[in-house]
Protein backbone atom coordinates (compact mmCIF):
# COMPACT_ATOMS: atom_id res chain seq x y z
CA MET A 1 51.61 32.49 -54.83
CA HIS A 2 51.63 36.01 -53.39
CA ARG A 3 49.71 37.29 -56.42
CA ARG A 4 46.90 34.79 -55.85
CA ARG A 5 46.71 35.76 -52.18
CA PHE A 6 46.62 39.43 -53.17
CA LEU A 7 43.90 38.97 -55.79
CA ARG A 8 41.77 36.93 -53.36
CA GLY A 9 41.72 39.97 -51.11
CA VAL A 10 40.34 42.44 -53.64
CA VAL A 11 36.84 43.47 -52.63
CA ALA A 12 34.19 45.58 -54.34
CA THR A 13 35.44 48.79 -52.74
CA GLY A 14 38.88 48.34 -54.29
CA ALA A 15 40.49 47.80 -50.89
CA VAL A 16 42.92 44.96 -50.48
CA ILE A 17 42.84 42.45 -47.66
CA ALA A 18 46.00 40.38 -47.46
CA ALA A 19 45.44 36.85 -46.21
CA PRO A 20 48.05 36.05 -43.57
CA THR A 21 50.39 33.18 -44.33
CA GLY A 22 53.39 31.70 -42.66
CA GLU A 23 55.52 32.18 -45.78
CA ALA A 24 58.80 33.96 -45.15
CA SER A 25 60.46 36.29 -47.61
CA ALA A 26 63.66 35.04 -49.20
CA ALA A 27 65.17 38.47 -48.60
CA GLU A 28 64.86 38.46 -44.83
CA PRO A 29 64.19 35.27 -42.86
CA GLY A 30 61.11 35.51 -40.67
CA SER A 31 59.55 38.47 -42.49
CA THR A 32 56.42 38.29 -44.60
CA PRO A 33 55.92 40.18 -47.87
CA ASP A 34 53.16 42.22 -46.19
CA ALA A 35 55.48 43.30 -43.39
CA GLU A 36 58.33 43.99 -45.83
CA ALA A 37 56.10 46.19 -48.00
CA ALA A 38 54.70 48.10 -45.04
CA GLU A 39 58.17 48.63 -43.57
CA ALA A 40 59.67 49.83 -46.87
CA THR A 41 56.90 52.23 -47.84
CA GLY A 42 54.98 53.12 -44.74
CA VAL A 43 51.89 51.93 -46.69
CA ASP A 44 50.12 48.77 -45.54
CA PRO A 45 49.30 46.72 -48.68
CA ALA A 46 46.02 45.79 -46.97
CA GLY A 47 44.90 49.39 -47.49
CA ALA A 48 46.40 49.91 -50.95
CA THR A 49 44.20 51.94 -53.25
CA GLN A 50 44.49 53.83 -56.52
CA ASP A 51 44.91 57.10 -54.54
CA ALA A 52 48.04 56.23 -52.57
CA THR A 53 49.74 59.11 -50.82
CA PRO A 54 53.49 59.65 -51.06
CA SER A 55 55.55 57.86 -48.43
CA ALA A 56 58.61 60.07 -49.00
CA PRO A 57 59.62 63.16 -50.98
CA ALA A 58 61.22 62.94 -54.42
CA PRO A 59 64.71 61.49 -53.91
CA TRP A 60 66.63 64.27 -55.68
CA ALA A 61 69.67 63.61 -53.44
CA LEU A 62 70.20 60.37 -55.39
CA LEU A 63 70.58 62.33 -58.64
CA ASP A 64 72.70 65.21 -57.31
CA PRO A 65 73.85 67.43 -59.09
CA LEU A 66 71.15 66.71 -61.70
CA SER A 67 67.75 68.44 -61.67
CA VAL A 68 64.78 69.11 -63.94
CA GLY A 69 66.10 70.04 -67.38
CA SER A 70 69.52 68.42 -66.90
CA ASP A 71 71.01 66.81 -70.00
CA VAL A 72 71.74 63.16 -69.22
CA GLY A 73 73.29 62.28 -72.56
CA LEU A 74 72.41 61.21 -76.09
CA GLY A 75 69.70 63.86 -76.38
CA TRP A 76 67.84 62.82 -73.21
CA ARG A 77 67.05 65.19 -70.35
CA ILE A 78 65.25 64.99 -67.01
CA GLU A 79 61.64 66.15 -67.18
CA HIS A 80 60.37 65.13 -63.72
CA LEU A 81 61.07 63.07 -60.60
CA SER A 82 58.03 62.07 -58.55
CA GLU A 83 57.67 61.62 -54.82
CA ILE A 84 58.01 58.04 -53.63
CA VAL A 85 54.60 56.42 -54.02
CA ARG A 86 53.81 52.70 -53.73
CA GLY A 87 57.49 51.93 -53.16
CA ALA A 88 59.07 53.78 -56.10
CA ALA A 89 59.89 57.21 -57.45
CA VAL A 90 59.19 57.75 -61.15
CA LEU A 91 61.91 59.49 -63.15
CA THR A 92 60.59 60.85 -66.44
CA LEU A 93 63.13 61.43 -69.20
CA VAL A 94 62.39 63.16 -72.48
CA HIS A 95 64.17 63.00 -75.84
CA GLU A 96 63.16 65.64 -78.33
CA ALA A 97 64.64 64.83 -81.70
CA PRO A 98 64.49 67.67 -84.26
CA GLY A 99 61.53 67.20 -86.59
CA GLU A 100 60.10 64.37 -84.55
CA GLY A 101 57.46 64.34 -81.86
CA GLY A 102 59.88 63.30 -79.15
CA GLU A 103 59.94 60.34 -76.84
CA ARG A 104 59.44 59.85 -73.10
CA ALA A 105 60.86 57.19 -70.86
CA ARG A 106 59.40 56.44 -67.43
CA VAL A 107 61.91 54.84 -65.10
CA HIS A 108 60.89 53.49 -61.71
CA LEU A 109 63.56 53.84 -59.05
CA CYS A 110 63.11 50.77 -56.85
CA ALA A 111 65.10 49.10 -54.08
CA VAL A 112 67.56 46.33 -54.87
CA ARG A 113 67.16 43.37 -52.55
CA GLY A 114 68.89 40.32 -53.89
CA GLU A 115 69.31 40.36 -57.65
CA ALA A 116 68.70 43.61 -59.57
CA ARG A 117 66.13 43.35 -62.36
CA GLY A 118 66.38 46.67 -64.17
CA VAL A 119 68.27 47.75 -67.26
CA ALA A 120 70.71 49.46 -64.90
CA HIS A 121 71.26 49.56 -61.15
CA SER A 122 73.49 50.74 -58.36
CA GLU A 123 74.14 48.75 -55.21
CA HIS A 124 70.82 49.80 -53.63
CA VAL A 125 68.67 51.28 -56.44
CA ASP A 126 67.22 49.44 -59.44
CA LEU A 127 66.26 51.48 -62.54
CA ILE A 128 63.23 49.75 -64.08
CA LEU A 129 62.29 51.02 -67.55
CA MET A 130 58.48 51.00 -67.72
CA ASN A 131 57.91 50.36 -71.40
CA ARG A 132 54.76 48.27 -70.95
CA GLY A 133 56.77 45.12 -71.49
CA ASP A 134 57.21 42.09 -69.33
CA GLY A 135 60.97 42.17 -69.27
CA GLY A 136 61.19 40.52 -72.68
CA LEU A 137 61.29 43.68 -74.81
CA VAL A 138 64.66 44.79 -76.09
CA THR A 139 65.72 48.17 -74.69
CA SER A 140 67.16 50.56 -77.27
CA GLU A 141 70.88 51.10 -76.86
CA PRO A 142 70.70 54.89 -76.32
CA ILE A 143 68.23 54.74 -73.41
CA GLY A 144 70.11 51.77 -71.96
CA ARG A 145 73.34 53.78 -71.99
CA VAL A 146 71.60 56.78 -70.39
CA LEU A 147 70.20 54.57 -67.61
CA LYS A 148 73.66 53.10 -66.94
CA THR A 149 75.03 56.64 -66.67
CA LEU A 150 72.24 57.58 -64.24
CA ALA A 151 72.99 54.44 -62.19
CA GLY A 152 76.55 55.70 -61.84
CA VAL A 153 75.28 59.07 -60.56
CA ILE A 154 73.00 57.28 -58.08
CA ARG A 155 75.84 54.99 -56.97
CA ALA A 156 77.90 58.06 -56.00
CA ASN A 157 74.99 59.49 -53.97
CA GLU A 158 73.03 56.61 -52.48
CA ARG A 159 74.86 56.21 -49.15
CA GLY A 160 72.88 53.03 -48.60
CA SER A 161 69.56 54.84 -48.19
CA THR A 162 66.53 53.45 -49.96
CA GLU A 163 63.93 54.69 -47.48
CA GLY A 164 60.45 54.25 -48.92
CA LEU A 165 61.63 52.15 -51.90
CA MET A 166 60.52 48.56 -52.47
CA PRO A 167 61.92 45.95 -54.86
CA HIS A 168 60.03 45.96 -58.16
CA ALA A 169 58.84 42.34 -57.85
CA LEU A 170 57.31 43.07 -54.45
CA ARG A 171 55.60 46.20 -55.81
CA VAL A 172 54.10 44.20 -58.68
CA SER A 173 52.79 41.52 -56.33
CA TYR A 174 50.89 44.13 -54.29
CA PHE A 175 49.95 46.92 -56.65
CA HIS A 176 49.73 45.39 -60.17
CA SER A 177 45.98 44.75 -60.06
CA LEU A 178 45.43 48.46 -59.39
CA GLN A 179 46.95 49.14 -62.84
CA CYS A 180 48.90 52.05 -61.42
CA LEU A 181 52.51 51.00 -61.92
CA ASN A 182 53.02 52.40 -65.42
């Protein structure tokens, strides 16, 4: 239902106008998805555009002591961690197998509210593998194991803070039509 409301609000300029409803979020009684998104990210979904500005710096504290270039196991290493934009930080991992072109994995770090949806998660952070699937694709065992290891690192560092992060489902309901969540 939220997706239909969101799509109704898309106008020729690409701006989004969210139609107000009385629907409450299952996560927090009395809150609306619009209010929840704005509170989590500092970005009002009504003004969402392709050129969103970061709502928070890259959450390197979650991955401490890891940094760019760190080996995270099974031949994978950290290539980049983005600032938090549209409710998630994007962690890019790279695997460079000898004699092969290499492989990249883009992992969105999202908030967990209710049930986690990612391949791996900590108490407060969901690791969503963005492999252009719809949740039905099988994740290879090596990257799945690496993500579970990273979730353990995050678990040790999260201290309950998910400032700027939104749950993946909420992000999709607001930003999917902009085709900018890959």
